[in-house]
Amino acid sequence: MKGIVLSLGLPRKRRFRLPDLKGIIKRHGVLMVFAVLLLAGLAFGAAYAYSADRQTLRSLDFLFTTNLESRLGKGAFGTMCACFASDFVFLLSAYFLGAAPWGIPFLPALVCFKGFGTGITAGYLCLSHGVSGAGFYLLVLLPGTFLFCAVLMFFSVTAFSFSRQTLKRMLSRQPALYSLREALLRYSSRFLSALGVTFAASLLDTLLWTLFAGSFNF
């Protein structure tokens, strides 16, 4: 009787299970590597901004925001075009690298370079304009930049996987189990989805520039 009462009345203690690190790394290992490379590039970019001269930084303005005076005078449409053009170059590069079987080593470099440019922008604004530049970056630039960096990382994972599959197909002597045309269509569809989010990030950048850029005196 005592055994029946104890078995019915007392709840069993749940065992604490550690997360399956091996499974997590297997599923998200490439994304984790890209995230680390992005952060490493950001740190190197911020350090480089403190040692580079103004002329070098201004020459990188097409890819990275290092010339506020010219961008503030472009208006909303010009700002959106500048933001979208810069992000589009990175995303299109990831697409072409993913479509090539030799693009595997270049995709991590591309993500790292984007982090490098993000660090340059943050470091340049803090170096040139102090607290006002840091506030401008956090309020105006960071939301859109964060959104695009997330899109670039996730799409780069897709591009990395597609490039690896293409390389395996070329090196394999066995007939392919899937249609390359269908795989390319799915890959291109994901690119268009990433491009749509990139356009939304540019609209967010433009909105924040229009609302708050005039509040900062540079």
N, C-alpha and C. Protein backbone atom coordinates (compact mmCIF):
# COMPACT_ATOMS: atom_id res chain seq x y z
N MET A 1 0.83 -1.21 0.00
CA MET A 1 0.00 0.00 0.00
C MET A 1 0.87 1.26 0.00
N LYS A 2 1.90 1.27 0.83
CA LYS A 2 2.78 2.43 0.90
C LYS A 2 3.46 2.69 -0.44
N GLY A 3 3.83 1.59 -1.10
CA GLY A 3 4.46 1.75 -2.40
C GLY A 3 3.50 2.31 -3.43
N ILE A 4 2.22 1.92 -3.36
CA ILE A 4 1.23 2.45 -4.30
C ILE A 4 1.01 3.93 -4.09
N VAL A 5 0.91 4.36 -2.80
CA VAL A 5 0.69 5.78 -2.49
C VAL A 5 1.86 6.63 -2.98
N LEU A 6 3.07 6.12 -2.72
CA LEU A 6 4.24 6.89 -3.14
C LEU A 6 4.34 6.98 -4.65
N SER A 7 3.98 5.90 -5.33
CA SER A 7 4.07 5.91 -6.79
C SER A 7 3.02 6.79 -7.43
N LEU A 8 1.87 6.96 -6.77
CA LEU A 8 0.80 7.78 -7.33
C LEU A 8 0.88 9.23 -6.87
N GLY A 9 1.35 9.48 -5.67
CA GLY A 9 1.26 10.81 -5.12
C GLY A 9 2.48 11.68 -5.30
N LEU A 10 3.63 11.09 -5.43
CA LEU A 10 4.85 11.87 -5.52
C LEU A 10 5.27 12.05 -6.98
N PRO A 11 5.46 13.30 -7.43
CA PRO A 11 5.90 13.51 -8.81
C PRO A 11 7.36 13.12 -8.98
N ARG A 12 7.66 12.61 -10.13
CA ARG A 12 9.03 12.22 -10.42
C ARG A 12 9.88 13.44 -10.76
N LYS A 13 11.09 13.39 -10.31
CA LYS A 13 12.02 14.49 -10.61
C LYS A 13 12.50 14.36 -12.06
N ARG A 14 12.49 15.49 -12.73
CA ARG A 14 12.96 15.51 -14.11
C ARG A 14 14.47 15.59 -14.14
N ARG A 15 15.04 14.79 -14.98
CA ARG A 15 16.49 14.80 -15.11
C ARG A 15 16.94 15.98 -15.97
N PHE A 16 17.97 16.64 -15.49
CA PHE A 16 18.53 17.76 -16.25
C PHE A 16 19.43 17.24 -17.35
N ARG A 17 19.12 17.60 -18.57
CA ARG A 17 19.89 17.14 -19.71
C ARG A 17 20.67 18.29 -20.34
N LEU A 18 21.92 18.04 -20.57
CA LEU A 18 22.74 19.04 -21.24
C LEU A 18 22.34 19.13 -22.71
N PRO A 19 22.45 20.31 -23.29
CA PRO A 19 22.11 20.44 -24.72
C PRO A 19 23.06 19.61 -25.58
N ASP A 20 22.52 19.11 -26.65
CA ASP A 20 23.30 18.29 -27.58
C ASP A 20 24.21 19.20 -28.40
N LEU A 21 25.41 19.46 -27.88
CA LEU A 21 26.33 20.38 -28.54
C LEU A 21 26.75 19.86 -29.91
N LYS A 22 26.93 18.57 -30.01
CA LYS A 22 27.33 18.00 -31.29
C LYS A 22 26.26 18.22 -32.34
N GLY A 23 24.99 18.04 -31.95
CA GLY A 23 23.90 18.26 -32.90
C GLY A 23 23.76 19.73 -33.27
N ILE A 24 23.95 20.61 -32.28
CA ILE A 24 23.85 22.04 -32.55
C ILE A 24 24.94 22.48 -33.52
N ILE A 25 26.16 22.00 -33.29
CA ILE A 25 27.27 22.37 -34.17
C ILE A 25 27.04 21.80 -35.58
N LYS A 26 26.50 20.59 -35.64
CA LYS A 26 26.25 19.99 -36.95
C LYS A 26 25.20 20.76 -37.74
N ARG A 27 24.16 21.24 -37.04
CA ARG A 27 23.08 21.95 -37.73
C ARG A 27 23.43 23.41 -38.00
N HIS A 28 24.12 24.05 -37.06
CA HIS A 28 24.34 25.50 -37.17
C HIS A 28 25.81 25.87 -37.13
N GLY A 29 26.69 24.92 -37.41
CA GLY A 29 28.12 25.20 -37.32
C GLY A 29 28.58 26.27 -38.29
N VAL A 30 28.10 26.22 -39.53
CA VAL A 30 28.51 27.21 -40.53
C VAL A 30 28.02 28.60 -40.14
N LEU A 31 26.79 28.68 -39.64
CA LEU A 31 26.25 29.97 -39.21
C LEU A 31 27.06 30.52 -38.04
N MET A 32 27.45 29.67 -37.12
CA MET A 32 28.25 30.11 -35.98
C MET A 32 29.61 30.63 -36.44
N VAL A 33 30.21 29.95 -37.40
CA VAL A 33 31.51 30.41 -37.93
C VAL A 33 31.36 31.77 -38.60
N PHE A 34 30.29 31.94 -39.39
CA PHE A 34 30.06 33.22 -40.04
C PHE A 34 29.83 34.34 -39.02
N ALA A 35 29.11 34.02 -37.94
CA ALA A 35 28.86 35.02 -36.90
C ALA A 35 30.17 35.44 -36.23
N VAL A 36 31.05 34.47 -35.97
CA VAL A 36 32.34 34.78 -35.37
C VAL A 36 33.19 35.63 -36.32
N LEU A 37 33.17 35.29 -37.60
CA LEU A 37 33.94 36.05 -38.58
C LEU A 37 33.40 37.47 -38.72
N LEU A 38 32.09 37.63 -38.66
CA LEU A 38 31.51 38.96 -38.73
C LEU A 38 31.95 39.82 -37.55
N LEU A 39 31.92 39.24 -36.35
CA LEU A 39 32.33 39.97 -35.16
C LEU A 39 33.82 40.27 -35.18
N ALA A 40 34.61 39.32 -35.67
CA ALA A 40 36.05 39.55 -35.77
C ALA A 40 36.35 40.67 -36.77
N GLY A 41 35.64 40.65 -37.91
CA GLY A 41 35.81 41.73 -38.88
C GLY A 41 35.40 43.07 -38.31
N LEU A 42 34.34 43.08 -37.53
CA LEU A 42 33.89 44.32 -36.90
C LEU A 42 34.97 44.88 -35.98
N ALA A 43 35.59 44.01 -35.18
CA ALA A 43 36.64 44.45 -34.26
C ALA A 43 37.85 44.99 -35.03
N PHE A 44 38.27 44.28 -36.08
CA PHE A 44 39.41 44.74 -36.88
C PHE A 44 39.08 46.05 -37.61
N GLY A 45 37.85 46.17 -38.08
CA GLY A 45 37.45 47.39 -38.76
C GLY A 45 37.47 48.60 -37.84
N ALA A 46 36.97 48.42 -36.62
CA ALA A 46 36.99 49.52 -35.65
C ALA A 46 38.42 49.92 -35.32
N ALA A 47 39.31 48.93 -35.19
CA ALA A 47 40.72 49.25 -34.90
C ALA A 47 41.37 49.93 -36.10
N TYR A 48 41.02 49.50 -37.31
CA TYR A 48 41.60 50.11 -38.51
C TYR A 48 41.15 51.56 -38.68
N ALA A 49 39.92 51.85 -38.30
CA ALA A 49 39.40 53.20 -38.44
C ALA A 49 40.20 54.21 -37.62
N TYR A 50 40.78 53.78 -36.52
CA TYR A 50 41.55 54.68 -35.68
C TYR A 50 42.95 54.94 -36.23
N SER A 51 43.40 54.10 -37.17
CA SER A 51 44.75 54.28 -37.72
C SER A 51 44.74 54.75 -39.17
N ALA A 52 43.60 54.65 -39.86
CA ALA A 52 43.54 55.04 -41.28
C ALA A 52 43.35 56.55 -41.40
N ASP A 53 43.81 57.09 -42.52
CA ASP A 53 43.65 58.53 -42.76
C ASP A 53 42.27 58.80 -43.36
N ARG A 54 41.87 60.05 -43.32
CA ARG A 54 40.53 60.43 -43.79
C ARG A 54 40.32 60.12 -45.27
N GLN A 55 41.34 60.33 -46.09
CA GLN A 55 41.19 60.10 -47.52
C GLN A 55 40.91 58.64 -47.83
N THR A 56 41.59 57.75 -47.11
CA THR A 56 41.36 56.31 -47.32
C THR A 56 39.95 55.93 -46.92
N LEU A 57 39.49 56.48 -45.81
CA LEU A 57 38.14 56.17 -45.35
C LEU A 57 37.09 56.69 -46.32
N ARG A 58 37.31 57.90 -46.85
CA ARG A 58 36.33 58.46 -47.80
C ARG A 58 36.29 57.66 -49.10
N SER A 59 37.40 57.04 -49.48
CA SER A 59 37.41 56.24 -50.70
C SER A 59 36.58 54.97 -50.55
N LEU A 60 36.30 54.57 -49.32
CA LEU A 60 35.48 53.39 -49.06
C LEU A 60 34.02 53.73 -48.83
N ASP A 61 33.63 54.96 -49.11
CA ASP A 61 32.29 55.41 -48.75
C ASP A 61 31.20 54.71 -49.54
N PHE A 62 31.51 54.20 -50.72
CA PHE A 62 30.47 53.51 -51.50
C PHE A 62 29.98 52.26 -50.78
N LEU A 63 30.91 51.54 -50.16
CA LEU A 63 30.53 50.32 -49.45
C LEU A 63 30.19 50.57 -48.00
N PHE A 64 30.81 51.59 -47.40
CA PHE A 64 30.62 51.85 -45.98
C PHE A 64 30.33 53.33 -45.78
N THR A 65 29.54 53.65 -44.76
CA THR A 65 29.14 55.03 -44.51
C THR A 65 30.26 55.76 -43.78
N THR A 66 31.07 56.49 -44.54
CA THR A 66 32.17 57.24 -43.93
C THR A 66 32.18 58.70 -44.35
N ASN A 67 31.17 59.13 -45.10
CA ASN A 67 31.11 60.52 -45.53
C ASN A 67 29.70 61.05 -45.25
N LEU A 68 29.47 61.45 -44.03
CA LEU A 68 28.13 61.87 -43.63
C LEU A 68 27.70 63.14 -44.34
N GLU A 69 28.63 64.04 -44.58
CA GLU A 69 28.26 65.32 -45.18
C GLU A 69 27.59 65.13 -46.54
N SER A 70 28.17 64.25 -47.37
CA SER A 70 27.60 64.03 -48.71
C SER A 70 26.28 63.27 -48.63
N ARG A 71 26.17 62.32 -47.73
CA ARG A 71 24.94 61.53 -47.65
C ARG A 71 23.80 62.33 -47.04
N LEU A 72 24.12 63.24 -46.12
CA LEU A 72 23.06 64.05 -45.53
C LEU A 72 22.45 65.01 -46.54
N GLY A 73 23.19 65.33 -47.57
CA GLY A 73 22.68 66.26 -48.57
C GLY A 73 21.99 65.61 -49.74
N LYS A 74 21.84 64.29 -49.75
CA LYS A 74 21.25 63.59 -50.89
C LYS A 74 19.73 63.53 -50.85
N GLY A 75 19.13 63.70 -49.70
CA GLY A 75 17.70 63.54 -49.60
C GLY A 75 17.31 62.09 -49.37
N ALA A 76 16.00 61.84 -49.21
CA ALA A 76 15.53 60.51 -48.85
C ALA A 76 15.81 59.49 -49.96
N PHE A 77 15.52 59.85 -51.21
CA PHE A 77 15.71 58.90 -52.30
C PHE A 77 17.18 58.59 -52.51
N GLY A 78 18.02 59.59 -52.45
CA GLY A 78 19.45 59.36 -52.60
C GLY A 78 20.02 58.52 -51.48
N THR A 79 19.53 58.73 -50.27
CA THR A 79 19.97 57.92 -49.13
C THR A 79 19.58 56.47 -49.31
N MET A 80 18.35 56.24 -49.75
CA MET A 80 17.89 54.86 -49.95
C MET A 80 18.71 54.18 -51.04
N CYS A 81 18.98 54.88 -52.12
CA CYS A 81 19.78 54.29 -53.21
C CYS A 81 21.19 53.96 -52.74
N ALA A 82 21.78 54.86 -51.94
CA ALA A 82 23.15 54.62 -51.44
C ALA A 82 23.17 53.42 -50.51
N CYS A 83 22.20 53.31 -49.61
CA CYS A 83 22.15 52.19 -48.67
C CYS A 83 21.89 50.87 -49.40
N PHE A 84 20.94 50.90 -50.33
CA PHE A 84 20.59 49.66 -51.03
C PHE A 84 21.72 49.20 -51.95
N ALA A 85 22.38 50.14 -52.61
CA ALA A 85 23.46 49.78 -53.53
C ALA A 85 24.59 49.07 -52.80
N SER A 86 24.96 49.60 -51.63
CA SER A 86 26.03 48.99 -50.86
C SER A 86 25.65 47.57 -50.43
N ASP A 87 24.46 47.40 -49.88
CA ASP A 87 24.02 46.07 -49.43
C ASP A 87 23.83 45.11 -50.61
N PHE A 88 23.34 45.63 -51.73
CA PHE A 88 23.10 44.79 -52.90
C PHE A 88 24.40 44.20 -53.43
N VAL A 89 25.49 44.97 -53.39
CA VAL A 89 26.79 44.47 -53.85
C VAL A 89 27.21 43.25 -53.03
N PHE A 90 27.04 43.32 -51.73
CA PHE A 90 27.43 42.20 -50.87
C PHE A 90 26.53 40.99 -51.11
N LEU A 91 25.23 41.21 -51.19
CA LEU A 91 24.31 40.10 -51.36
C LEU A 91 24.48 39.44 -52.73
N LEU A 92 24.66 40.24 -53.77
CA LEU A 92 24.87 39.68 -55.11
C LEU A 92 26.18 38.91 -55.19
N SER A 93 27.20 39.41 -54.50
CA SER A 93 28.47 38.69 -54.46
C SER A 93 28.31 37.34 -53.79
N ALA A 94 27.54 37.29 -52.70
CA ALA A 94 27.28 36.02 -52.03
C ALA A 94 26.53 35.07 -52.95
N TYR A 95 25.60 35.59 -53.74
CA TYR A 95 24.83 34.75 -54.67
C TYR A 95 25.75 34.12 -55.72
N PHE A 96 26.60 34.92 -56.32
CA PHE A 96 27.47 34.40 -57.37
C PHE A 96 28.53 33.46 -56.80
N LEU A 97 29.04 33.76 -55.62
CA LEU A 97 30.01 32.86 -54.99
C LEU A 97 29.35 31.53 -54.63
N GLY A 98 28.10 31.58 -54.19
CA GLY A 98 27.39 30.35 -53.88
C GLY A 98 27.07 29.52 -55.11
N ALA A 99 26.86 30.19 -56.24
CA ALA A 99 26.56 29.47 -57.48
C ALA A 99 27.79 28.83 -58.09
N ALA A 100 28.99 29.22 -57.63
CA ALA A 100 30.23 28.67 -58.16
C ALA A 100 30.76 27.57 -57.24
N PRO A 101 31.28 26.49 -57.80
CA PRO A 101 31.82 25.42 -56.95
C PRO A 101 33.07 25.83 -56.18
N TRP A 102 33.76 26.88 -56.64
CA TRP A 102 34.96 27.35 -55.97
C TRP A 102 34.68 28.50 -55.00
N GLY A 103 33.40 28.77 -54.71
CA GLY A 103 33.07 29.91 -53.87
C GLY A 103 33.15 29.65 -52.38
N ILE A 104 33.39 28.40 -51.98
CA ILE A 104 33.37 28.05 -50.55
C ILE A 104 34.34 28.88 -49.71
N PRO A 105 35.62 29.04 -50.09
CA PRO A 105 36.52 29.81 -49.22
C PRO A 105 36.27 31.32 -49.26
N PHE A 106 35.58 31.80 -50.29
CA PHE A 106 35.40 33.24 -50.43
C PHE A 106 34.18 33.77 -49.67
N LEU A 107 33.21 32.91 -49.40
CA LEU A 107 32.02 33.36 -48.67
C LEU A 107 32.35 33.78 -47.23
N PRO A 108 33.15 33.01 -46.48
CA PRO A 108 33.53 33.51 -45.16
C PRO A 108 34.29 34.82 -45.22
N ALA A 109 35.15 34.97 -46.25
CA ALA A 109 35.89 36.23 -46.40
C ALA A 109 34.94 37.39 -46.68
N LEU A 110 33.89 37.13 -47.45
CA LEU A 110 32.91 38.19 -47.74
C LEU A 110 32.19 38.64 -46.48
N VAL A 111 31.76 37.69 -45.65
CA VAL A 111 31.08 38.03 -44.40
C VAL A 111 32.02 38.79 -43.47
N CYS A 112 33.27 38.34 -43.40
CA CYS A 112 34.26 39.03 -42.57
C CYS A 112 34.49 40.45 -43.07
N PHE A 113 34.52 40.63 -44.38
CA PHE A 113 34.73 41.96 -44.95
C PHE A 113 33.55 42.88 -44.64
N LYS A 114 32.34 42.33 -44.63
CA LYS A 114 31.18 43.14 -44.25
C LYS A 114 31.29 43.58 -42.79
N GLY A 115 31.72 42.66 -41.93
CA GLY A 115 31.95 43.04 -40.54
C GLY A 115 33.04 44.08 -40.42
N PHE A 116 34.08 43.96 -41.24
CA PHE A 116 35.16 44.94 -41.26
C PHE A 116 34.64 46.32 -41.62
N GLY A 117 33.78 46.39 -42.64
CA GLY A 117 33.21 47.67 -43.03
C GLY A 117 32.29 48.26 -41.97
N THR A 118 31.53 47.38 -41.30
CA THR A 118 30.66 47.84 -40.22
C THR A 118 31.49 48.43 -39.09
N GLY A 119 32.61 47.77 -38.78
CA GLY A 119 33.50 48.29 -37.74
C GLY A 119 34.14 49.60 -38.15
N ILE A 120 34.48 49.74 -39.43
CA ILE A 120 35.05 51.00 -39.92
C ILE A 120 34.06 52.14 -39.73
N THR A 121 32.80 51.90 -40.10
CA THR A 121 31.78 52.93 -39.96
C THR A 121 31.62 53.36 -38.51
N ALA A 122 31.50 52.39 -37.61
CA ALA A 122 31.33 52.71 -36.19
C ALA A 122 32.56 53.42 -35.64
N GLY A 123 33.74 52.90 -35.97
CA GLY A 123 34.96 53.53 -35.48
C GLY A 123 35.17 54.92 -36.03
N TYR A 124 34.85 55.11 -37.31
CA TYR A 124 35.02 56.43 -37.93
C TYR A 124 34.10 57.47 -37.29
N LEU A 125 32.84 57.09 -37.08
CA LEU A 125 31.90 58.04 -36.49
C LEU A 125 32.29 58.40 -35.06
N CYS A 126 32.72 57.41 -34.28
CA CYS A 126 33.14 57.69 -32.91
C CYS A 126 34.42 58.52 -32.88
N LEU A 127 35.33 58.25 -33.80
CA LEU A 127 36.60 58.97 -33.84
C LEU A 127 36.41 60.41 -34.30
N SER A 128 35.57 60.60 -35.32
CA SER A 128 35.42 61.93 -35.92
C SER A 128 34.44 62.81 -35.16
N HIS A 129 33.40 62.22 -34.56
CA HIS A 129 32.33 63.03 -33.98
C HIS A 129 32.03 62.71 -32.52
N GLY A 130 32.82 61.82 -31.93
CA GLY A 130 32.69 61.56 -30.50
C GLY A 130 31.35 60.97 -30.11
N VAL A 131 30.79 61.49 -29.03
CA VAL A 131 29.52 60.97 -28.50
C VAL A 131 28.40 61.16 -29.51
N SER A 132 28.42 62.28 -30.23
CA SER A 132 27.38 62.53 -31.23
C SER A 132 27.44 61.49 -32.35
N GLY A 133 28.64 61.12 -32.76
CA GLY A 133 28.79 60.10 -33.80
C GLY A 133 28.34 58.74 -33.32
N ALA A 134 28.66 58.41 -32.05
CA ALA A 134 28.21 57.13 -31.49
C ALA A 134 26.68 57.08 -31.41
N GLY A 135 26.07 58.18 -30.98
CA GLY A 135 24.61 58.23 -30.93
C GLY A 135 23.98 58.12 -32.30
N PHE A 136 24.60 58.76 -33.28
CA PHE A 136 24.09 58.68 -34.66
C PHE A 136 24.15 57.24 -35.17
N TYR A 137 25.25 56.57 -34.88
CA TYR A 137 25.38 55.19 -35.34
C TYR A 137 24.35 54.27 -34.68
N LEU A 138 24.19 54.41 -33.37
CA LEU A 138 23.27 53.53 -32.65
C LEU A 138 21.82 53.79 -33.03
N LEU A 139 21.45 55.04 -33.23
CA LEU A 139 20.05 55.39 -33.48
C LEU A 139 19.68 55.28 -34.95
N VAL A 140 20.58 55.69 -35.83
CA VAL A 140 20.24 55.79 -37.25
C VAL A 140 20.75 54.61 -38.07
N LEU A 141 22.01 54.24 -37.88
CA LEU A 141 22.62 53.24 -38.76
C LEU A 141 22.49 51.80 -38.27
N LEU A 142 22.57 51.60 -36.97
CA LEU A 142 22.64 50.24 -36.44
C LEU A 142 21.42 49.37 -36.76
N PRO A 143 20.17 49.86 -36.65
CA PRO A 143 19.03 48.97 -36.93
C PRO A 143 19.06 48.36 -38.32
N GLY A 144 19.23 49.18 -39.34
CA GLY A 144 19.29 48.65 -40.70
C GLY A 144 20.51 47.80 -40.94
N THR A 145 21.65 48.20 -40.36
CA THR A 145 22.88 47.43 -40.51
C THR A 145 22.75 46.05 -39.87
N PHE A 146 22.17 46.01 -38.68
CA PHE A 146 21.97 44.73 -37.99
C PHE A 146 21.06 43.81 -38.79
N LEU A 147 19.99 44.37 -39.35
CA LEU A 147 19.06 43.56 -40.14
C LEU A 147 19.75 42.99 -41.37
N PHE A 148 20.52 43.81 -42.07
CA PHE A 148 21.17 43.31 -43.27
C PHE A 148 22.27 42.31 -42.94
N CYS A 149 23.03 42.55 -41.88
CA CYS A 149 24.08 41.60 -41.51
C CYS A 149 23.48 40.23 -41.18
N ALA A 150 22.32 40.22 -40.53
CA ALA A 150 21.65 38.95 -40.24
C ALA A 150 21.22 38.27 -41.53
N VAL A 151 20.66 39.04 -42.47
CA VAL A 151 20.25 38.48 -43.76
C VAL A 151 21.45 37.94 -44.52
N LEU A 152 22.54 38.70 -44.52
CA LEU A 152 23.74 38.26 -45.24
C LEU A 152 24.30 36.97 -44.66
N MET A 153 24.33 36.85 -43.35
CA MET A 153 24.84 35.63 -42.73
C MET A 153 23.98 34.42 -43.08
N PHE A 154 22.66 34.56 -42.93
CA PHE A 154 21.78 33.42 -43.21
C PHE A 154 21.82 33.03 -44.68
N PHE A 155 21.85 34.03 -45.56
CA PHE A 155 21.92 33.68 -46.98
C PHE A 155 23.28 33.10 -47.34
N SER A 156 24.33 33.58 -46.69
CA SER A 156 25.66 33.03 -46.95
C SER A 156 25.74 31.57 -46.55
N VAL A 157 25.01 31.17 -45.52
CA VAL A 157 24.93 29.76 -45.15
C VAL A 157 24.30 28.96 -46.28
N THR A 158 23.22 29.50 -46.85
CA THR A 158 22.58 28.84 -48.00
C THR A 158 23.51 28.78 -49.19
N ALA A 159 24.22 29.88 -49.45
CA ALA A 159 25.17 29.92 -50.56
C ALA A 159 26.31 28.93 -50.34
N PHE A 160 26.79 28.84 -49.11
CA PHE A 160 27.86 27.89 -48.79
C PHE A 160 27.40 26.46 -49.04
N SER A 161 26.20 26.14 -48.63
CA SER A 161 25.66 24.79 -48.83
C SER A 161 25.48 24.49 -50.31
N PHE A 162 24.99 25.45 -51.07
CA PHE A 162 24.77 25.23 -52.50
C PHE A 162 26.10 25.07 -53.23
N SER A 163 27.09 25.87 -52.86
CA SER A 163 28.41 25.76 -53.48
C SER A 163 29.03 24.41 -53.17
N ARG A 164 28.86 23.92 -51.95
CA ARG A 164 29.40 22.62 -51.57
C ARG A 164 28.71 21.50 -52.34
N GLN A 165 27.40 21.60 -52.50
CA GLN A 165 26.68 20.58 -53.27
C GLN A 165 27.13 20.58 -54.73
N THR A 166 27.35 21.77 -55.28
CA THR A 166 27.81 21.86 -56.67
C THR A 166 29.19 21.24 -56.83
N LEU A 167 30.07 21.49 -55.85
CA LEU A 167 31.41 20.91 -55.91
C LEU A 167 31.36 19.39 -55.81
N LYS A 168 30.52 18.88 -54.91
CA LYS A 168 30.38 17.42 -54.79
C LYS A 168 29.84 16.82 -56.07
N ARG A 169 28.91 17.52 -56.71
CA ARG A 169 28.34 17.00 -57.97
C ARG A 169 29.39 16.92 -59.06
N MET A 170 30.29 17.92 -59.09
CA MET A 170 31.34 17.93 -60.11
C MET A 170 32.37 16.82 -59.87
N LEU A 171 32.69 16.56 -58.60
CA LEU A 171 33.73 15.58 -58.28
C LEU A 171 33.20 14.15 -58.24
N SER A 172 31.90 14.00 -58.08
CA SER A 172 31.33 12.67 -57.97
C SER A 172 31.23 12.00 -59.34
N ARG A 173 31.49 10.70 -59.37
CA ARG A 173 31.35 9.93 -60.59
C ARG A 173 29.97 9.30 -60.73
N GLN A 174 29.21 9.34 -59.65
CA GLN A 174 27.87 8.77 -59.67
C GLN A 174 26.87 9.78 -60.21
N PRO A 175 25.79 9.33 -60.82
CA PRO A 175 24.77 10.27 -61.33
C PRO A 175 24.12 11.03 -60.18
N ALA A 176 23.81 12.29 -60.43
CA ALA A 176 23.23 13.14 -59.39
C ALA A 176 21.84 12.67 -59.02
N LEU A 177 21.51 12.78 -57.73
CA LEU A 177 20.21 12.36 -57.24
C LEU A 177 19.19 13.49 -57.30
N TYR A 178 19.59 14.66 -57.70
CA TYR A 178 18.69 15.80 -57.76
C TYR A 178 18.97 16.61 -59.02
N SER A 179 17.99 17.38 -59.42
CA SER A 179 18.14 18.20 -60.61
C SER A 179 18.84 19.50 -60.25
N LEU A 180 19.91 19.80 -60.97
CA LEU A 180 20.65 21.03 -60.71
C LEU A 180 19.79 22.25 -61.02
N ARG A 181 18.95 22.12 -62.02
CA ARG A 181 18.08 23.25 -62.39
C ARG A 181 17.10 23.57 -61.27
N GLU A 182 16.48 22.53 -60.70
CA GLU A 182 15.54 22.76 -59.60
C GLU A 182 16.25 23.33 -58.37
N ALA A 183 17.45 22.82 -58.09
CA ALA A 183 18.22 23.33 -56.95
C ALA A 183 18.59 24.79 -57.17
N LEU A 184 18.95 25.14 -58.40
CA LEU A 184 19.29 26.52 -58.70
C LEU A 184 18.08 27.43 -58.57
N LEU A 185 16.91 26.94 -58.97
CA LEU A 185 15.69 27.73 -58.83
C LEU A 185 15.35 27.98 -57.36
N ARG A 186 15.51 26.96 -56.52
CA ARG A 186 15.28 27.14 -55.08
C ARG A 186 16.29 28.11 -54.49
N TYR A 187 17.53 27.99 -54.92
CA TYR A 187 18.58 28.88 -54.44
C TYR A 187 18.30 30.33 -54.86
N SER A 188 17.89 30.52 -56.10
CA SER A 188 17.57 31.86 -56.59
C SER A 188 16.34 32.43 -55.88
N SER A 189 15.39 31.56 -55.54
CA SER A 189 14.22 32.02 -54.80
C SER A 189 14.61 32.54 -53.42
N ARG A 190 15.52 31.86 -52.77
CA ARG A 190 15.99 32.34 -51.47
C ARG A 190 16.76 33.65 -51.61
N PHE A 191 17.47 33.79 -52.72
CA PHE A 191 18.16 35.06 -52.97
C PHE A 191 17.17 36.20 -53.11
N LEU A 192 16.08 35.96 -53.83
CA LEU A 192 15.07 37.01 -53.99
C LEU A 192 14.42 37.36 -52.65
N SER A 193 14.22 36.36 -51.80
CA SER A 193 13.67 36.63 -50.47
C SER A 193 14.64 37.47 -49.66
N ALA A 194 15.92 37.12 -49.71
CA ALA A 194 16.93 37.91 -49.01
C ALA A 194 17.03 39.32 -49.58
N LEU A 195 16.84 39.42 -50.89
CA LEU A 195 16.88 40.74 -51.52
C LEU A 195 15.71 41.60 -51.05
N GLY A 196 14.54 40.98 -50.86
CA GLY A 196 13.40 41.73 -50.35
C GLY A 196 13.64 42.26 -48.94
N VAL A 197 14.26 41.44 -48.09
CA VAL A 197 14.58 41.90 -46.74
C VAL A 197 15.65 42.99 -46.78
N THR A 198 16.58 42.87 -47.73
CA THR A 198 17.60 43.90 -47.89
C THR A 198 16.97 45.23 -48.29
N PHE A 199 15.99 45.17 -49.16
CA PHE A 199 15.29 46.40 -49.54
C PHE A 199 14.56 46.99 -48.34
N ALA A 200 13.96 46.12 -47.51
CA ALA A 200 13.30 46.60 -46.29
C ALA A 200 14.30 47.26 -45.35
N ALA A 201 15.52 46.69 -45.26
CA ALA A 201 16.56 47.29 -44.42
C ALA A 201 16.95 48.67 -44.96
N SER A 202 16.98 48.82 -46.28
CA SER A 202 17.28 50.13 -46.87
C SER A 202 16.18 51.14 -46.57
N LEU A 203 14.92 50.69 -46.62
CA LEU A 203 13.81 51.57 -46.27
C LEU A 203 13.88 51.99 -44.80
N LEU A 204 14.28 51.05 -43.94
CA LEU A 204 14.43 51.38 -42.53
C LEU A 204 15.54 52.40 -42.34
N ASP A 205 16.65 52.20 -43.04
CA ASP A 205 17.75 53.17 -42.99
C ASP A 205 17.27 54.55 -43.43
N THR A 206 16.54 54.58 -44.54
CA THR A 206 16.06 55.85 -45.07
C THR A 206 15.11 56.54 -44.10
N LEU A 207 14.22 55.77 -43.50
CA LEU A 207 13.28 56.34 -42.54
C LEU A 207 14.01 56.95 -41.34
N LEU A 208 14.98 56.22 -40.81
CA LEU A 208 15.73 56.72 -39.65
C LEU A 208 16.58 57.93 -40.02
N TRP A 209 17.17 57.90 -41.22
CA TRP A 209 17.93 59.07 -41.67
C TRP A 209 17.01 60.28 -41.77
N THR A 210 15.84 60.09 -42.35
CA THR A 210 14.92 61.23 -42.54
C THR A 210 14.43 61.78 -41.21
N LEU A 211 14.16 60.90 -40.26
CA LEU A 211 13.59 61.35 -38.98
C LEU A 211 14.62 61.94 -38.03
N PHE A 212 15.82 61.34 -37.99
CA PHE A 212 16.74 61.70 -36.91
C PHE A 212 18.07 62.28 -37.36
N ALA A 213 18.43 62.15 -38.64
CA ALA A 213 19.75 62.62 -39.06
C ALA A 213 19.90 64.12 -38.85
N GLY A 214 18.82 64.87 -39.05
CA GLY A 214 18.91 66.31 -38.88
C GLY A 214 19.10 66.77 -37.45
N SER A 215 18.91 65.86 -36.50
CA SER A 215 19.08 66.20 -35.09
C SER A 215 20.54 66.20 -34.66
N PHE A 216 21.41 65.69 -35.50
CA PHE A 216 22.83 65.62 -35.15
C PHE A 216 23.58 66.69 -35.94
N ASN A 217 24.46 67.37 -35.27
CA ASN A 217 25.28 68.41 -35.89
C ASN A 217 26.68 67.89 -36.11
N PHE A 218 27.05 67.75 -37.39
CA PHE A 218 28.38 67.26 -37.73
C PHE A 218 29.16 68.36 -38.47
